[in-house]
Amino acid sequence: MENAKLRYVALVIQIVATLYHIPAASHPESAAIDLLVSIIKQVPGGRLHKSLVESKLATAIFGFDRQLRETGFVYFGANLLPDMSLDHAKEGLINTIESLTEHPITAEELERARTRLLNKIEQLLTNTRNLATTITEFIAMGDWRLLFLHRDWIKQVTLEDVQRAANTYFKPSNRTLGLFIPTKAPDRAEIPAVTDLSLMFKDYRGNETLSLGEAFEATPENIEAKLIRAQLPGGMKLALLPKKTRGNRVVAALNLNWGDEQSKMNRATACGMTSAMLSRGTKHYTREQLRDALDRSKVHIDMTADGITFETTSNHLADALQLITEMFRNPIFPEKEFEQLKLAILSSIENQRSEPAAQAGIHIERHLMPFAPAHWLYTPTIEERIERIKRVSLDEVKRCHHDFYGSTDAELAIVGDFEPNAITETLQQLLDDWKSPKPYQRIATPYQDIKAIDINLETPDKANAVYQAGMNLKIRDDHPDFPALVLGNYLFGGLLIHGCGVVFVNKKASRIVLHLRLRRVLLKSEEISKSLLSTHLRIVIVWSKQWMKNLHGF
């Protein structure tokens, strides 16, 4: 029997999803299932991405497996725009997942997935905070050592293991969907019983160790003592901080710094999409080949508006720099990838129509930072964003790269286990001849005296509400009063450095939080954020709508 669920909510985008039951995390097949999910959900190159997104049946796909102490589940789905066929997407989703007997997993797919998962585990083991959190999850699954046993199982999984898991669990009788369809001959999946963990770990010993790194207190004085500042002949500025790290981890951030206020006029949408297209195909790599190369070099990337942050290990740093240089210097902007990106962005924007946080954020940004529609810093409405995305052309995106991208005014910071002279030489070889076509000048955000307003926005079918308050301050981080402002903000909410700003999230000691709780406001989250270089302060609070009357006047 196929379980079926239907739910009608006030959403603009459509979603179709399937769920399959799987054994507990302690079952040996859990590693094969993990690899199988990675093969199916991967973007790009995964089975679902090819069958749904590339064929324009959906704008985006997703998938994950939730392995628990008892039986768990695998979850796959797809997002659709309102004018897309839900039936066609449902058929494509089910056929892709449940036809693996007719279209078996290949050895190449398995090795790609194995590389991805092992890289994630290796990166996890170098991040103490994330590792501690993850270990608590494995404790809930039955034993913290399951993390290391699962890693070992992933290394040992064969193609036959993965195919057997697909045949066993990905079938109609084990599927939960949005419909109920009876069948005369149920073919139920037999879920194995939970394994005896004491027997499983009786003789188990982990066989891998990580370098521990060095003791380093990140004070301004200690950072400055180890920091190496340099400038390449081509103009790029370097800030290098070599230090021993856990697992030989290296973290870097690159900002290209391109264009000025005038040259960026009317180009925010196109140039914003340019950065998103850099990883979708280059002169020497398809999008899938580039993803595989990054996985082999253990590189995790996050694209930013005018650069990239990435993480790797010391022995792969040179390879990482070569791949990132390839992305930034030699993108080919495939038309198919461009259309996929537009659909994904449109789907994301549509979903924000009924989101309180998104609506509040847009309105407060437009009020605190009023710029002309052509300006680079203008905040468009949701309707304007949709229209801009629909209207932008691939040629406009290409011209942004041609007109602006270069390393003349770029800044690169690297922290971790590396040899500064060798990396400087590598960067010089890769980037010295990459000149910026136009001069760079930072776009100023001068203080604006904004009139106070009070706006209430209705978002039907949303149980939570968002309160945002902001004000422009005539102060920058070089003002004598700035340290006192930071301390005052700390007393109101706690301190966490995030990007170029400060986010305040101390939920226990925050004066704002304590004051609101005295007024019987049930809080979901709180934060105070302040831009260091801009000039506005913002308070963001999420709470349940029924407590609204207690919020006024806080």
Foldseek 3Di string as FASTA:
>chain_A
DFAAAADDFPAQKDKWKKKFKAFALQDLLNLLVQLLQCQQQDPPNHLLCVQCLLVVLALHKDKDWDHFLGITMIMIMGIHGNPHDPVVSNVSVLCSLQVCVVVPDDPVSLVLSLLQVLLVLLVCQQDVVSLVVVLVRVVRNPHSCSSQVSNVSSVVDDSVSNRVVSNQISDRLRMYTNDDDDDDDRDHRDHDGRDDVCVVCVPDDHDDAKDAWDDFDPDPVRQVVQWDWDAFPLAEIETERATAGTRQKKKKWKFQFKDEFVVQFQQQLLLQVLQVQLLQAFPVDHNVRLSSQCSVLSKDWDTDSGTIIIMGHAVSVLVVVVSRLRSLPTGDQDPSVLVSVLSNVLSVLSRCPQPQVSVVVLVVLCQQQPDPPRTNSHRDDSVVSNVVSVPDDSVSNVVSSVQIGARNNMYMYMYGHYDVVVVSVSCNVSGSPGHTNDDGDDYAAAFDQGDDDDDDDDRPRDQKHKDKDKDFARDALVDPCNVVVVVVVCQQFHWDDDDQKIKGFRCPRHPVNVVLVVLVWAWPGWIKIDHRRHTMTMTMTMGGPVSVVSPPPD
